[in-house]
PDB file of N, CA and C in Angstrom:
ATOM      1  N   UNK A   1      11.988   3.243 -10.843  1.00  0.00           N
ATOM      2  CA  UNK A   1      10.606   3.590 -11.040  1.00  0.00           C
ATOM      3  C   UNK A   1      10.472   4.267 -12.406  1.00  0.00           C
ATOM      4  N   UNK A   2       9.466   3.904 -13.178  1.00  0.00           N
ATOM      5  CA  UNK A   2       9.300   4.463 -14.502  1.00  0.00           C
ATOM      6  C   UNK A   2       8.505   5.758 -14.453  1.00  0.00           C
ATOM      7  N   UNK A   3       8.499   6.482 -15.587  1.00  0.00           N
ATOM      8  CA  UNK A   3       7.751   7.731 -15.666  1.00  0.00           C
ATOM      9  C   UNK A   3       6.246   7.496 -15.558  1.00  0.00           C
ATOM     10  N   UNK A   4       5.780   6.268 -15.802  1.00  0.00           N
ATOM     11  CA  UNK A   4       4.351   5.971 -15.757  1.00  0.00           C
ATOM     12  C   UNK A   4       3.844   5.682 -14.354  1.00  0.00           C
ATOM     13  N   UNK A   5       4.747   5.506 -13.370  1.00  0.00           N
ATOM     14  CA  UNK A   5       4.311   5.213 -12.011  1.00  0.00           C
ATOM     15  C   UNK A   5       3.631   6.431 -11.414  1.00  0.00           C
ATOM     16  N   UNK A   6       2.578   6.205 -10.645  1.00  0.00           N
ATOM     17  CA  UNK A   6       1.816   7.258 -10.011  1.00  0.00           C
ATOM     18  C   UNK A   6       2.391   7.508  -8.633  1.00  0.00           C
ATOM     19  N   UNK A   7       2.854   8.724  -8.357  1.00  0.00           N
ATOM     20  CA  UNK A   7       3.428   9.063  -7.065  1.00  0.00           C
ATOM     21  C   UNK A   7       2.590  10.134  -6.407  1.00  0.00           C
ATOM     22  N   UNK A   8       2.181   9.887  -5.173  1.00  0.00           N
ATOM     23  CA  UNK A   8       1.413  10.863  -4.418  1.00  0.00           C
ATOM     24  C   UNK A   8       2.218  11.250  -3.194  1.00  0.00           C
ATOM     25  N   UNK A   9       2.238  12.543  -2.874  1.00  0.00           N
ATOM     26  CA  UNK A   9       2.933  13.020  -1.700  1.00  0.00           C
ATOM     27  C   UNK A   9       2.027  12.871  -0.493  1.00  0.00           C
ATOM     28  N   UNK A  10       2.551  12.346   0.609  1.00  0.00           N
ATOM     29  CA  UNK A  10       1.765  12.206   1.828  1.00  0.00           C
ATOM     30  C   UNK A  10       1.568  13.571   2.460  1.00  0.00           C
ATOM     31  N   UNK A  11       0.340  13.879   2.814  1.00  0.00           N
ATOM     32  CA  UNK A  11       0.026  15.135   3.478  1.00  0.00           C
ATOM     33  C   UNK A  11      -0.719  14.855   4.756  1.00  0.00           C
ATOM     34  N   UNK A  12      -0.364  15.568   5.817  1.00  0.00           N
ATOM     35  CA  UNK A  12      -1.210  15.469   7.001  1.00  0.00           C
ATOM     36  C   UNK A  12      -2.260  16.569   6.920  1.00  0.00           C
ATOM     37  N   UNK A  13      -3.196  16.598   7.851  1.00  0.00           N
ATOM     38  CA  UNK A  13      -4.306  17.547   7.793  1.00  0.00           C
ATOM     39  C   UNK A  13      -3.833  19.000   7.793  1.00  0.00           C
ATOM     40  N   UNK A  14      -2.785  19.309   8.586  1.00  0.00           N
ATOM     41  CA  UNK A  14      -2.273  20.682   8.641  1.00  0.00           C
ATOM     42  C   UNK A  14      -1.679  21.108   7.304  1.00  0.00           C
ATOM     43  N   UNK A  15      -0.910  20.205   6.664  1.00  0.00           N
ATOM     44  CA  UNK A  15      -0.330  20.514   5.362  1.00  0.00           C
ATOM     45  C   UNK A  15      -1.412  20.757   4.329  1.00  0.00           C
ATOM     46  N   UNK A  16      -2.465  19.916   4.367  1.00  0.00           N
ATOM     47  CA  UNK A  16      -3.551  20.046   3.410  1.00  0.00           C
ATOM     48  C   UNK A  16      -4.275  21.370   3.602  1.00  0.00           C
ATOM     49  N   UNK A  17      -4.572  21.724   4.854  1.00  0.00           N
ATOM     50  CA  UNK A  17      -5.269  22.979   5.132  1.00  0.00           C
ATOM     51  C   UNK A  17      -4.431  24.163   4.678  1.00  0.00           C
ATOM     52  N   UNK A  18      -3.130  24.112   4.928  1.00  0.00           N
ATOM     53  CA  UNK A  18      -2.248  25.203   4.519  1.00  0.00           C
ATOM     54  C   UNK A  18      -2.171  25.312   3.000  1.00  0.00           C
ATOM     55  N   UNK A  19      -2.108  24.188   2.307  1.00  0.00           N
ATOM     56  CA  UNK A  19      -2.031  24.206   0.849  1.00  0.00           C
ATOM     57  C   UNK A  19      -3.305  24.776   0.238  1.00  0.00           C
ATOM     58  N   UNK A  20      -4.444  24.449   0.838  1.00  0.00           N
ATOM     59  CA  UNK A  20      -5.719  24.905   0.287  1.00  0.00           C
ATOM     60  C   UNK A  20      -5.998  26.368   0.617  1.00  0.00           C
ATOM     61  N   UNK A  21      -5.384  26.898   1.681  1.00  0.00           N
ATOM     62  CA  UNK A  21      -5.618  28.277   2.086  1.00  0.00           C
ATOM     63  C   UNK A  21      -4.807  29.264   1.254  1.00  0.00           C
ATOM     64  N   UNK A  22      -3.769  28.802   0.589  1.00  0.00           N
ATOM     65  CA  UNK A  22      -2.900  29.683  -0.197  1.00  0.00           C
ATOM     66  C   UNK A  22      -3.628  30.208  -1.427  1.00  0.00           C
ATOM     67  N   UNK A  23      -3.258  31.435  -1.820  1.00  0.00           N
ATOM     68  CA  UNK A  23      -3.798  32.002  -3.058  1.00  0.00           C
ATOM     69  C   UNK A  23      -2.963  31.594  -4.263  1.00  0.00           C
ATOM     70  N   UNK A  24      -1.818  30.937  -3.986  1.00  0.00           N
ATOM     71  CA  UNK A  24      -0.935  30.513  -5.057  1.00  0.00           C
ATOM     72  C   UNK A  24      -1.550  29.311  -5.774  1.00  0.00           C
ATOM     73  N   UNK A  25      -1.092  29.030  -6.993  1.00  0.00           N
ATOM     74  CA  UNK A  25      -1.586  27.832  -7.682  1.00  0.00           C
ATOM     75  C   UNK A  25      -1.275  26.591  -6.847  1.00  0.00           C
ATOM     76  N   UNK A  26      -2.187  25.623  -6.888  1.00  0.00           N
ATOM     77  CA  UNK A  26      -1.991  24.408  -6.105  1.00  0.00           C
ATOM     78  C   UNK A  26      -0.860  23.558  -6.677  1.00  0.00           C
ATOM     79  N   UNK A  27      -0.168  22.878  -5.777  1.00  0.00           N
ATOM     80  CA  UNK A  27       0.883  21.967  -6.188  1.00  0.00           C
ATOM     81  C   UNK A  27       0.241  20.742  -6.841  1.00  0.00           C
ATOM     82  N   UNK A  28       0.839  20.289  -7.914  1.00  0.00           N
ATOM     83  CA  UNK A  28       0.331  19.112  -8.615  1.00  0.00           C
ATOM     84  C   UNK A  28       0.930  17.879  -7.963  1.00  0.00           C
ATOM     85  N   UNK A  29       0.064  16.892  -7.619  1.00  0.00           N
ATOM     86  CA  UNK A  29       0.518  15.696  -6.938  1.00  0.00           C
ATOM     87  C   UNK A  29       0.615  14.489  -7.843  1.00  0.00           C
ATOM     88  N   UNK A  30      -0.076  14.483  -8.945  1.00  0.00           N
ATOM     89  CA  UNK A  30      -0.033  13.328  -9.831  1.00  0.00           C
ATOM     90  C   UNK A  30      -0.522  13.731 -11.211  1.00  0.00           C
ATOM     91  N   UNK A  31      -0.179  12.932 -12.181  1.00  0.00           N
ATOM     92  CA  UNK A  31      -0.660  13.130 -13.544  1.00  0.00           C
ATOM     93  C   UNK A  31      -1.302  11.824 -13.966  1.00  0.00           C
ATOM     94  N   UNK A  32      -2.605  11.844 -14.205  1.00  0.00           N
ATOM     95  CA  UNK A  32      -3.326  10.612 -14.522  1.00  0.00           C
ATOM     96  C   UNK A  32      -3.341  10.294 -16.016  1.00  0.00           C
ATOM     97  N   UNK A  33      -2.576  11.055 -16.794  1.00  0.00           N
ATOM     98  CA  UNK A  33      -2.539  10.827 -18.238  1.00  0.00           C
ATOM     99  C   UNK A  33      -3.564  11.668 -18.970  1.00  0.00           C
ATOM    100  N   UNK A  34      -4.605  12.092 -18.275  1.00  0.00           N
ATOM    101  CA  UNK A  34      -5.640  12.926 -18.877  1.00  0.00           C
ATOM    102  C   UNK A  34      -5.491  14.373 -18.425  1.00  0.00           C
ATOM    103  N   UNK A  35      -4.653  14.600 -17.457  1.00  0.00           N
ATOM    104  CA  UNK A  35      -4.448  15.939 -16.909  1.00  0.00           C
ATOM    105  C   UNK A  35      -3.835  15.817 -15.535  1.00  0.00           C
ATOM    106  N   UNK A  36      -3.533  16.941 -14.943  1.00  0.00           N
ATOM    107  CA  UNK A  36      -2.889  16.922 -13.646  1.00  0.00           C
ATOM    108  C   UNK A  36      -3.927  16.902 -12.524  1.00  0.00           C
ATOM    109  N   UNK A  37      -3.592  16.232 -11.436  1.00  0.00           N
ATOM    110  CA  UNK A  37      -4.471  16.131 -10.278  1.00  0.00           C
ATOM    111  C   UNK A  37      -3.869  16.981  -9.167  1.00  0.00           C
ATOM    112  N   UNK A  38      -4.664  17.865  -8.575  1.00  0.00           N
ATOM    113  CA  UNK A  38      -4.177  18.740  -7.513  1.00  0.00           C
ATOM    114  C   UNK A  38      -4.640  18.223  -6.160  1.00  0.00           C
ATOM    115  N   UNK A  39      -4.072  18.792  -5.099  1.00  0.00           N
ATOM    116  CA  UNK A  39      -4.434  18.403  -3.735  1.00  0.00           C
ATOM    117  C   UNK A  39      -5.924  18.619  -3.490  1.00  0.00           C
ATOM    118  N   UNK A  40      -6.489  19.693  -3.984  1.00  0.00           N
ATOM    119  CA  UNK A  40      -7.908  19.990  -3.774  1.00  0.00           C
ATOM    120  C   UNK A  40      -8.783  18.904  -4.414  1.00  0.00           C
ATOM    121  N   UNK A  41      -8.401  18.409  -5.573  1.00  0.00           N
ATOM    122  CA  UNK A  41      -9.177  17.368  -6.245  1.00  0.00           C
ATOM    123  C   UNK A  41      -9.083  16.023  -5.521  1.00  0.00           C
ATOM    124  N   UNK A  42      -7.992  15.790  -4.820  1.00  0.00           N
ATOM    125  CA  UNK A  42      -7.807  14.544  -4.084  1.00  0.00           C
ATOM    126  C   UNK A  42      -8.498  14.563  -2.726  1.00  0.00           C
ATOM    127  N   UNK A  43      -8.878  15.743  -2.245  1.00  0.00           N
ATOM    128  CA  UNK A  43      -9.454  15.868  -0.906  1.00  0.00           C
ATOM    129  C   UNK A  43     -10.673  14.958  -0.704  1.00  0.00           C
ATOM    130  N   UNK A  44     -11.462  14.751  -1.726  1.00  0.00           N
ATOM    131  CA  UNK A  44     -12.685  13.946  -1.605  1.00  0.00           C
ATOM    132  C   UNK A  44     -12.396  12.494  -1.247  1.00  0.00           C
ATOM    133  N   UNK A  45     -11.234  11.987  -1.554  1.00  0.00           N
ATOM    134  CA  UNK A  45     -10.934  10.579  -1.287  1.00  0.00           C
ATOM    135  C   UNK A  45     -10.142  10.362  -0.002  1.00  0.00           C
ATOM    136  N   UNK A  46      -9.722  11.416   0.673  1.00  0.00           N
ATOM    137  CA  UNK A  46      -8.867  11.268   1.856  1.00  0.00           C
ATOM    138  C   UNK A  46      -9.534  10.515   2.995  1.00  0.00           C
ATOM    139  N   UNK A  47     -10.833  10.598   3.169  1.00  0.00           N
ATOM    140  CA  UNK A  47     -11.511   9.965   4.296  1.00  0.00           C
ATOM    141  C   UNK A  47     -12.144   8.622   3.946  1.00  0.00           C
ATOM    142  N   UNK A  48     -11.892   8.107   2.764  1.00  0.00           N
ATOM    143  CA  UNK A  48     -12.445   6.814   2.377  1.00  0.00           C
ATOM    144  C   UNK A  48     -11.621   5.710   3.037  1.00  0.00           C
ATOM    145  N   UNK A  49     -12.264   4.843   3.824  1.00  0.00           N
ATOM    146  CA  UNK A  49     -11.502   3.760   4.470  1.00  0.00           C
ATOM    147  C   UNK A  49     -11.109   2.687   3.454  1.00  0.00           C
ATOM    148  N   UNK A  50      -9.911   2.163   3.605  1.00  0.00           N
ATOM    149  CA  UNK A  50      -9.436   1.074   2.758  1.00  0.00           C
ATOM    150  C   UNK A  50      -8.844  -0.007   3.659  1.00  0.00           C
ATOM    151  N   UNK A  51      -8.846  -1.235   3.177  1.00  0.00           N
ATOM    152  CA  UNK A  51      -8.258  -2.347   3.910  1.00  0.00           C
ATOM    153  C   UNK A  51      -6.869  -2.603   3.339  1.00  0.00           C
ATOM    154  N   UNK A  52      -5.856  -2.558   4.186  1.00  0.00           N
ATOM    155  CA  UNK A  52      -4.485  -2.798   3.767  1.00  0.00           C
ATOM    156  C   UNK A  52      -4.021  -4.108   4.396  1.00  0.00           C
ATOM    157  N   UNK A  53      -3.493  -5.009   3.567  1.00  0.00           N
ATOM    158  CA  UNK A  53      -3.005  -6.307   4.030  1.00  0.00           C
ATOM    159  C   UNK A  53      -1.568  -6.503   3.574  1.00  0.00           C
ATOM    160  N   UNK A  54      -0.750  -7.040   4.458  1.00  0.00           N
ATOM    161  CA  UNK A  54       0.621  -7.396   4.119  1.00  0.00           C
ATOM    162  C   UNK A  54       0.726  -8.917   4.198  1.00  0.00           C
ATOM    163  N   UNK A  55       0.976  -9.550   3.068  1.00  0.00           N
ATOM    164  CA  UNK A  55       0.993 -11.012   3.003  1.00  0.00           C
ATOM    165  C   UNK A  55       2.445 -11.489   3.038  1.00  0.00           C
ATOM    166  N   UNK A  56       2.773 -12.196   4.119  1.00  0.00           N
ATOM    167  CA  UNK A  56       4.126 -12.722   4.276  1.00  0.00           C
ATOM    168  C   UNK A  56       4.381 -13.910   3.366  1.00  0.00           C
ATOM    169  N   UNK A  57       3.351 -14.672   3.093  1.00  0.00           N
ATOM    170  CA  UNK A  57       3.468 -15.850   2.250  1.00  0.00           C
ATOM    171  C   UNK A  57       2.168 -16.623   2.286  1.00  0.00           C
ATOM    172  N   UNK A  58       2.109 -17.693   1.506  1.00  0.00           N
ATOM    173  CA  UNK A  58       0.903 -18.509   1.418  1.00  0.00           C
ATOM    174  C   UNK A  58       1.273 -19.979   1.486  1.00  0.00           C
ATOM    175  N   UNK A  59       0.288 -20.777   1.817  1.00  0.00           N
ATOM    176  CA  UNK A  59       0.428 -22.224   1.779  1.00  0.00           C
ATOM    177  C   UNK A  59      -0.963 -22.814   1.596  1.00  0.00           C
ATOM    178  N   UNK A  60      -1.033 -24.056   1.243  1.00  0.00           N
ATOM    179  CA  UNK A  60      -2.333 -24.726   1.178  1.00  0.00           C
ATOM    180  C   UNK A  60      -2.217 -26.022   1.965  1.00  0.00           C
ATOM    181  N   UNK A  61      -3.327 -26.397   2.590  1.00  0.00           N
ATOM    182  CA  UNK A  61      -3.361 -27.623   3.370  1.00  0.00           C
ATOM    183  C   UNK A  61      -4.794 -28.120   3.444  1.00  0.00           C
ATOM    184  N   UNK A  62      -4.918 -29.361   3.786  1.00  0.00           N
ATOM    185  CA  UNK A  62      -6.241 -29.950   3.939  1.00  0.00           C
ATOM    186  C   UNK A  62      -6.837 -29.504   5.276  1.00  0.00           C
ATOM    187  N   UNK A  63      -8.159 -29.506   5.337  1.00  0.00           N
ATOM    188  CA  UNK A  63      -8.852 -29.117   6.563  1.00  0.00           C
ATOM    189  C   UNK A  63      -8.398 -29.992   7.727  1.00  0.00           C
ATOM    190  N   UNK A  64      -8.181 -31.281   7.477  1.00  0.00           N
ATOM    191  CA  UNK A  64      -7.752 -32.175   8.554  1.00  0.00           C
ATOM    192  C   UNK A  64      -6.400 -31.735   9.120  1.00  0.00           C
ATOM    193  N   UNK A  65      -5.491 -31.257   8.253  1.00  0.00           N
ATOM    194  CA  UNK A  65      -4.195 -30.756   8.724  1.00  0.00           C
ATOM    195  C   UNK A  65      -4.378 -29.467   9.522  1.00  0.00           C
ATOM    196  N   UNK A  66      -5.264 -28.605   9.045  1.00  0.00           N
ATOM    197  CA  UNK A  66      -5.529 -27.336   9.718  1.00  0.00           C
ATOM    198  C   UNK A  66      -6.068 -27.568  11.127  1.00  0.00           C
ATOM    199  N   UNK A  67      -6.965 -28.540  11.272  1.00  0.00           N
ATOM    200  CA  UNK A  67      -7.564 -28.829  12.569  1.00  0.00           C
ATOM    201  C   UNK A  67      -6.560 -29.419  13.563  1.00  0.00           C
ATOM    202  N   UNK A  68      -5.482 -29.996  13.050  1.00  0.00           N
ATOM    203  CA  UNK A  68      -4.460 -30.578  13.925  1.00  0.00           C
ATOM    204  C   UNK A  68      -3.470 -29.538  14.448  1.00  0.00           C
ATOM    205  N   UNK A  69      -3.504 -28.338  13.891  1.00  0.00           N
ATOM    206  CA  UNK A  69      -2.569 -27.297  14.332  1.00  0.00           C
ATOM    207  C   UNK A  69      -2.912 -26.866  15.753  1.00  0.00           C
ATOM    208  N   UNK A  70      -1.912 -26.625  16.522  1.00  0.00           N
ATOM    209  CA  UNK A  70      -2.102 -26.154  17.891  1.00  0.00           C
ATOM    210  C   UNK A  70      -1.065 -25.104  18.225  1.00  0.00           C
ATOM    211  N   UNK A  71      -1.084 -24.665  19.464  1.00  0.00           N
ATOM    212  CA  UNK A  71      -0.127 -23.652  19.918  1.00  0.00           C
ATOM    213  C   UNK A  71       1.297 -24.137  19.647  1.00  0.00           C
ATOM    214  N   UNK A  72       2.095 -23.264  19.055  1.00  0.00           N
ATOM    215  CA  UNK A  72       3.485 -23.593  18.762  1.00  0.00           C
ATOM    216  C   UNK A  72       3.699 -24.282  17.427  1.00  0.00           C
ATOM    217  N   UNK A  73       2.613 -24.588  16.713  1.00  0.00           N
ATOM    218  CA  UNK A  73       2.752 -25.231  15.406  1.00  0.00           C
ATOM    219  C   UNK A  73       3.399 -24.260  14.424  1.00  0.00           C
ATOM    220  N   UNK A  74       4.183 -24.800  13.527  1.00  0.00           N
ATOM    221  CA  UNK A  74       4.846 -24.001  12.499  1.00  0.00           C
ATOM    222  C   UNK A  74       4.217 -24.330  11.152  1.00  0.00           C
ATOM    223  N   UNK A  75       3.811 -23.291  10.443  1.00  0.00           N
ATOM    224  CA  UNK A  75       3.237 -23.457   9.107  1.00  0.00           C
ATOM    225  C   UNK A  75       4.249 -22.900   8.113  1.00  0.00           C
ATOM    226  N   UNK A  76       4.730 -23.754   7.235  1.00  0.00           N
ATOM    227  CA  UNK A  76       5.728 -23.349   6.250  1.00  0.00           C
ATOM    228  C   UNK A  76       5.045 -22.579   5.122  1.00  0.00           C
ATOM    229  N   UNK A  77       5.594 -21.410   4.785  1.00  0.00           N
ATOM    230  CA  UNK A  77       5.046 -20.566   3.724  1.00  0.00           C
ATOM    231  C   UNK A  77       5.877 -20.695   2.465  1.00  0.00           C
ATOM    232  N   UNK A  78       5.373 -20.141   1.369  1.00  0.00           N
ATOM    233  CA  UNK A  78       6.026 -20.258   0.064  1.00  0.00           C
ATOM    234  C   UNK A  78       7.092 -19.193  -0.182  1.00  0.00           C
ATOM    235  N   UNK A  79       7.496 -18.460   0.835  1.00  0.00           N
ATOM    236  CA  UNK A  79       8.502 -17.405   0.688  1.00  0.00           C
ATOM    237  C   UNK A  79       9.759 -17.757   1.454  1.00  0.00           C
ATOM    238  N   UNK A  80      10.870 -17.199   0.999  1.00  0.00           N
ATOM    239  CA  UNK A  80      12.137 -17.383   1.680  1.00  0.00           C
ATOM    240  C   UNK A  80      12.399 -16.177   2.573  1.00  0.00           C
ATOM    241  N   UNK A  81      13.256 -16.356   3.563  1.00  0.00           N
ATOM    242  CA  UNK A  81      13.640 -15.265   4.455  1.00  0.00           C
ATOM    243  C   UNK A  81      14.257 -14.144   3.626  1.00  0.00           C
ATOM    244  N   UNK A  82      13.798 -12.915   3.848  1.00  0.00           N
ATOM    245  CA  UNK A  82      14.336 -11.767   3.130  1.00  0.00           C
ATOM    246  C   UNK A  82      13.634 -11.470   1.818  1.00  0.00           C
ATOM    247  N   UNK A  83      12.777 -12.371   1.372  1.00  0.00           N
ATOM    248  CA  UNK A  83      12.042 -12.146   0.124  1.00  0.00           C
ATOM    249  C   UNK A  83      10.949 -11.104   0.365  1.00  0.00           C
ATOM    250  N   UNK A  84      10.657 -10.310  -0.645  1.00  0.00           N
ATOM    251  CA  UNK A  84       9.659  -9.246  -0.525  1.00  0.00           C
ATOM    252  C   UNK A  84       8.282  -9.810  -0.195  1.00  0.00           C
ATOM    253  N   UNK A  85       7.520  -9.049   0.591  1.00  0.00           N
ATOM    254  CA  UNK A  85       6.150  -9.431   0.904  1.00  0.00           C
ATOM    255  C   UNK A  85       5.206  -8.656  -0.017  1.00  0.00           C
ATOM    256  N   UNK A  86       3.981  -9.152  -0.169  1.00  0.00           N
ATOM    257  CA  UNK A  86       2.991  -8.489  -1.021  1.00  0.00           C
ATOM    258  C   UNK A  86       2.115  -7.581  -0.174  1.00  0.00           C
ATOM    259  N   UNK A  87       1.847  -6.383  -0.682  1.00  0.00           N
ATOM    260  CA  UNK A  87       0.993  -5.417   0.008  1.00  0.00           C
ATOM    261  C   UNK A  87      -0.244  -5.201  -0.851  1.00  0.00           C
ATOM    262  N   UNK A  88      -1.395  -5.493  -0.259  1.00  0.00           N
ATOM    263  CA  UNK A  88      -2.677  -5.377  -0.958  1.00  0.00           C
ATOM    264  C   UNK A  88      -3.486  -4.240  -0.361  1.00  0.00           C
ATOM    265  N   UNK A  89      -4.183  -3.501  -1.195  1.00  0.00           N
ATOM    266  CA  UNK A  89      -5.166  -2.518  -0.759  1.00  0.00           C
ATOM    267  C   UNK A  89      -6.491  -2.940  -1.373  1.00  0.00           C
ATOM    268  N   UNK A  90      -7.477  -3.195  -0.496  1.00  0.00           N
ATOM    269  CA  UNK A  90      -8.780  -3.706  -0.933  1.00  0.00           C
ATOM    270  C   UNK A  90      -8.632  -4.910  -1.864  1.00  0.00           C
ATOM    271  N   UNK A  91      -7.807  -5.862  -1.440  1.00  0.00           N
ATOM    272  CA  UNK A  91      -7.575  -7.124  -2.156  1.00  0.00           C
ATOM    273  C   UNK A  91      -6.932  -6.955  -3.527  1.00  0.00           C
ATOM    274  N   UNK A  92      -6.302  -5.834  -3.771  1.00  0.00           N
ATOM    275  CA  UNK A  92      -5.589  -5.605  -5.034  1.00  0.00           C
ATOM    276  C   UNK A  92      -4.113  -5.379  -4.727  1.00  0.00           C
ATOM    277  N   UNK A  93      -3.250  -6.150  -5.391  1.00  0.00           N
ATOM    278  CA  UNK A  93      -1.809  -6.010  -5.180  1.00  0.00           C
ATOM    279  C   UNK A  93      -1.359  -4.633  -5.660  1.00  0.00           C
ATOM    280  N   UNK A  94      -0.785  -3.836  -4.749  1.00  0.00           N
ATOM    281  CA  UNK A  94      -0.347  -2.487  -5.107  1.00  0.00           C
ATOM    282  C   UNK A  94       1.146  -2.276  -4.910  1.00  0.00           C
ATOM    283  N   UNK A  95       1.781  -3.121  -4.085  1.00  0.00           N
ATOM    284  CA  UNK A  95       3.198  -2.900  -3.809  1.00  0.00           C
ATOM    285  C   UNK A  95       3.831  -4.163  -3.248  1.00  0.00           C
ATOM    286  N   UNK A  96       5.153  -4.142  -3.196  1.00  0.00           N
ATOM    287  CA  UNK A  96       5.933  -5.162  -2.497  1.00  0.00           C
ATOM    288  C   UNK A  96       6.796  -4.420  -1.495  1.00  0.00           C
ATOM    289  N   UNK A  97       7.141  -5.099  -0.420  1.00  0.00           N
ATOM    290  CA  UNK A  97       7.906  -4.404   0.599  1.00  0.00           C
ATOM    291  C   UNK A  97       8.611  -5.338   1.545  1.00  0.00           C
ATOM    292  N   UNK A  98       9.048  -4.760   2.671  1.00  0.00           N
ATOM    293  CA  UNK A  98       9.795  -5.488   3.690  1.00  0.00           C
ATOM    294  C   UNK A  98       9.167  -5.217   5.047  1.00  0.00           C
ATOM    295  N   UNK A  99       9.281  -6.194   5.935  1.00  0.00           N
ATOM    296  CA  UNK A  99       8.807  -6.026   7.304  1.00  0.00           C
ATOM    297  C   UNK A  99       9.850  -5.228   8.080  1.00  0.00           C
ATOM    298  N   UNK A 100       9.380  -4.245   8.860  1.00  0.00           N
ATOM    299  CA  UNK A 100      10.260  -3.429   9.695  1.00  0.00           C
ATOM    300  C   UNK A 100       9.676  -3.374  11.102  1.00  0.00           C
ATOM    301  N   UNK A 101      10.489  -2.974  12.065  1.00  0.00           N
ATOM    302  CA  UNK A 101      10.020  -2.787  13.432  1.00  0.00           C
ATOM    303  C   UNK A 101      10.025  -1.290  13.732  1.00  0.00           C
ATOM    304  N   UNK A 102       8.874  -0.786  14.205  1.00  0.00           N
ATOM    305  CA  UNK A 102       8.726   0.631  14.531  1.00  0.00           C
ATOM    306  C   UNK A 102       8.178   0.718  15.949  1.00  0.00           C
ATOM    307  N   UNK A 103       8.971   1.223  16.872  1.00  0.00           N
ATOM    308  CA  UNK A 103       8.532   1.359  18.267  1.00  0.00           C
ATOM    309  C   UNK A 103       7.921   0.065  18.807  1.00  0.00           C
ATOM    310  N   UNK A 104       8.632  -1.023  18.670  1.00  0.00           N
ATOM    311  CA  UNK A 104       8.220  -2.341  19.155  1.00  0.00           C
ATOM    312  C   UNK A 104       6.968  -2.885  18.481  1.00  0.00           C
ATOM    313  N   UNK A 105       6.605  -2.365  17.336  1.00  0.00           N
ATOM    314  CA  UNK A 105       5.480  -2.880  16.542  1.00  0.00           C
ATOM    315  C   UNK A 105       6.004  -3.253  15.164  1.00  0.00           C
ATOM    316  N   UNK A 106       5.296  -4.194  14.529  1.00  0.00           N
ATOM    317  CA  UNK A 106       5.662  -4.556  13.160  1.00  0.00           C
ATOM    318  C   UNK A 106       5.090  -3.530  12.192  1.00  0.00           C
ATOM    319  N   UNK A 107       5.825  -3.250  11.163  1.00  0.00           N
ATOM    320  CA  UNK A 107       5.364  -2.355  10.110  1.00  0.00           C
ATOM    321  C   UNK A 107       5.850  -2.875   8.773  1.00  0.00           C
ATOM    322  N   UNK A 108       5.483  -2.175   7.728  1.00  0.00           N
ATOM    323  CA  UNK A 108       5.876  -2.555   6.381  1.00  0.00           C
ATOM    324  C   UNK A 108       6.395  -1.318   5.669  1.00  0.00           C
ATOM    325  N   UNK A 109       7.514  -1.462   4.992  1.00  0.00           N
ATOM    326  CA  UNK A 109       8.009  -0.388   4.148  1.00  0.00           C
ATOM    327  C   UNK A 109       7.887  -0.832   2.697  1.00  0.00           C
ATOM    328  N   UNK A 110       7.367   0.041   1.857  1.00  0.00           N
ATOM    329  CA  UNK A 110       7.185  -0.310   0.444  1.00  0.00           C
ATOM    330  C   UNK A 110       8.490  -0.113  -0.305  1.00  0.00           C
ATOM    331  N   UNK A 111       8.898  -1.132  -1.040  1.00  0.00           N
ATOM    332  CA  UNK A 111      10.132  -1.060  -1.821  1.00  0.00           C
ATOM    333  C   UNK A 111       9.853  -1.032  -3.323  1.00  0.00           C
ATOM    334  N   UNK A 112       8.645  -1.416  -3.704  1.00  0.00           N
ATOM    335  CA  UNK A 112       8.280  -1.456  -5.133  1.00  0.00           C
ATOM    336  C   UNK A 112       6.784  -1.197  -5.270  1.00  0.00           C
ATOM    337  N   UNK A 113       6.416  -0.246  -6.103  1.00  0.00           N
ATOM    338  CA  UNK A 113       5.009   0.025  -6.399  1.00  0.00           C
ATOM    339  C   UNK A 113       4.639  -0.773  -7.632  1.00  0.00           C
ATOM    340  N   UNK A 114       3.505  -1.468  -7.563  1.00  0.00           N
ATOM    341  CA  UNK A 114       3.028  -2.268  -8.698  1.00  0.00           C
ATOM    342  C   UNK A 114       2.018  -1.441  -9.466  1.00  0.00           C
ATOM    343  N   UNK A 115       2.326  -1.152 -10.711  1.00  0.00           N
ATOM    344  CA  UNK A 115       1.405  -0.367 -11.551  1.00  0.00           C
ATOM    345  C   UNK A 115       0.494  -1.321 -12.291  1.00  0.00           C
ATOM    346  N   UNK A 116      -0.801  -1.178 -12.035  1.00  0.00           N
ATOM    347  CA  UNK A 116      -1.784  -2.037 -12.700  1.00  0.00           C
ATOM    348  C   UNK A 116      -2.153  -1.430 -14.045  1.00  0.00           C
ATOM    349  N   UNK A 117      -2.189  -2.256 -15.063  1.00  0.00           N
ATOM    350  CA  UNK A 117      -2.630  -1.791 -16.374  1.00  0.00           C
ATOM    351  C   UNK A 117      -4.139  -1.729 -16.363  1.00  0.00           C
ATOM    352  N   UNK A 118      -4.678  -0.567 -16.666  1.00  0.00           N
ATOM    353  CA  UNK A 118      -6.121  -0.381 -16.678  1.00  0.00           C
ATOM    354  C   UNK A 118      -6.587  -0.147 -18.100  1.00  0.00           C
ATOM    355  N   UNK A 119      -7.717  -0.710 -18.455  1.00  0.00           N
ATOM    356  CA  UNK A 119      -8.233  -0.472 -19.802  1.00  0.00           C
ATOM    357  C   UNK A 119      -8.615   0.986 -20.003  1.00  0.00           C
ATOM    358  N   UNK A 120      -8.439   1.480 -21.213  1.00  0.00           N
ATOM    359  CA  UNK A 120      -8.716   2.898 -21.497  1.00  0.00           C
ATOM    360  C   UNK A 120     -10.193   3.170 -21.601  1.00  0.00           C
TER     361      UNK A 120
END
């Protein structure tokens, strides 16, 4: 990971409340290049809903082929077994990762953060 990657520490509600109640200087969670961002400044975005998608792979087919698919049909994707999957937040690629199993449910672990170049 490079020095330019943005890293945020995960906080639960109790940690956030405790951090904000302290009289000590706030811990810095990120540096946006223009200055440091503190937990208090990030609080406004914590409740904003986002859509997270994990894309295992893609394929294209004609509508006629799609309509012929039935139970048990196999659709071949453009990825190989073990290859990283793409993780999107609000339709923007933000990371790559791997599928994991957590308490009999599927999950995703991020292995690479994708830093988007933004115009100044």
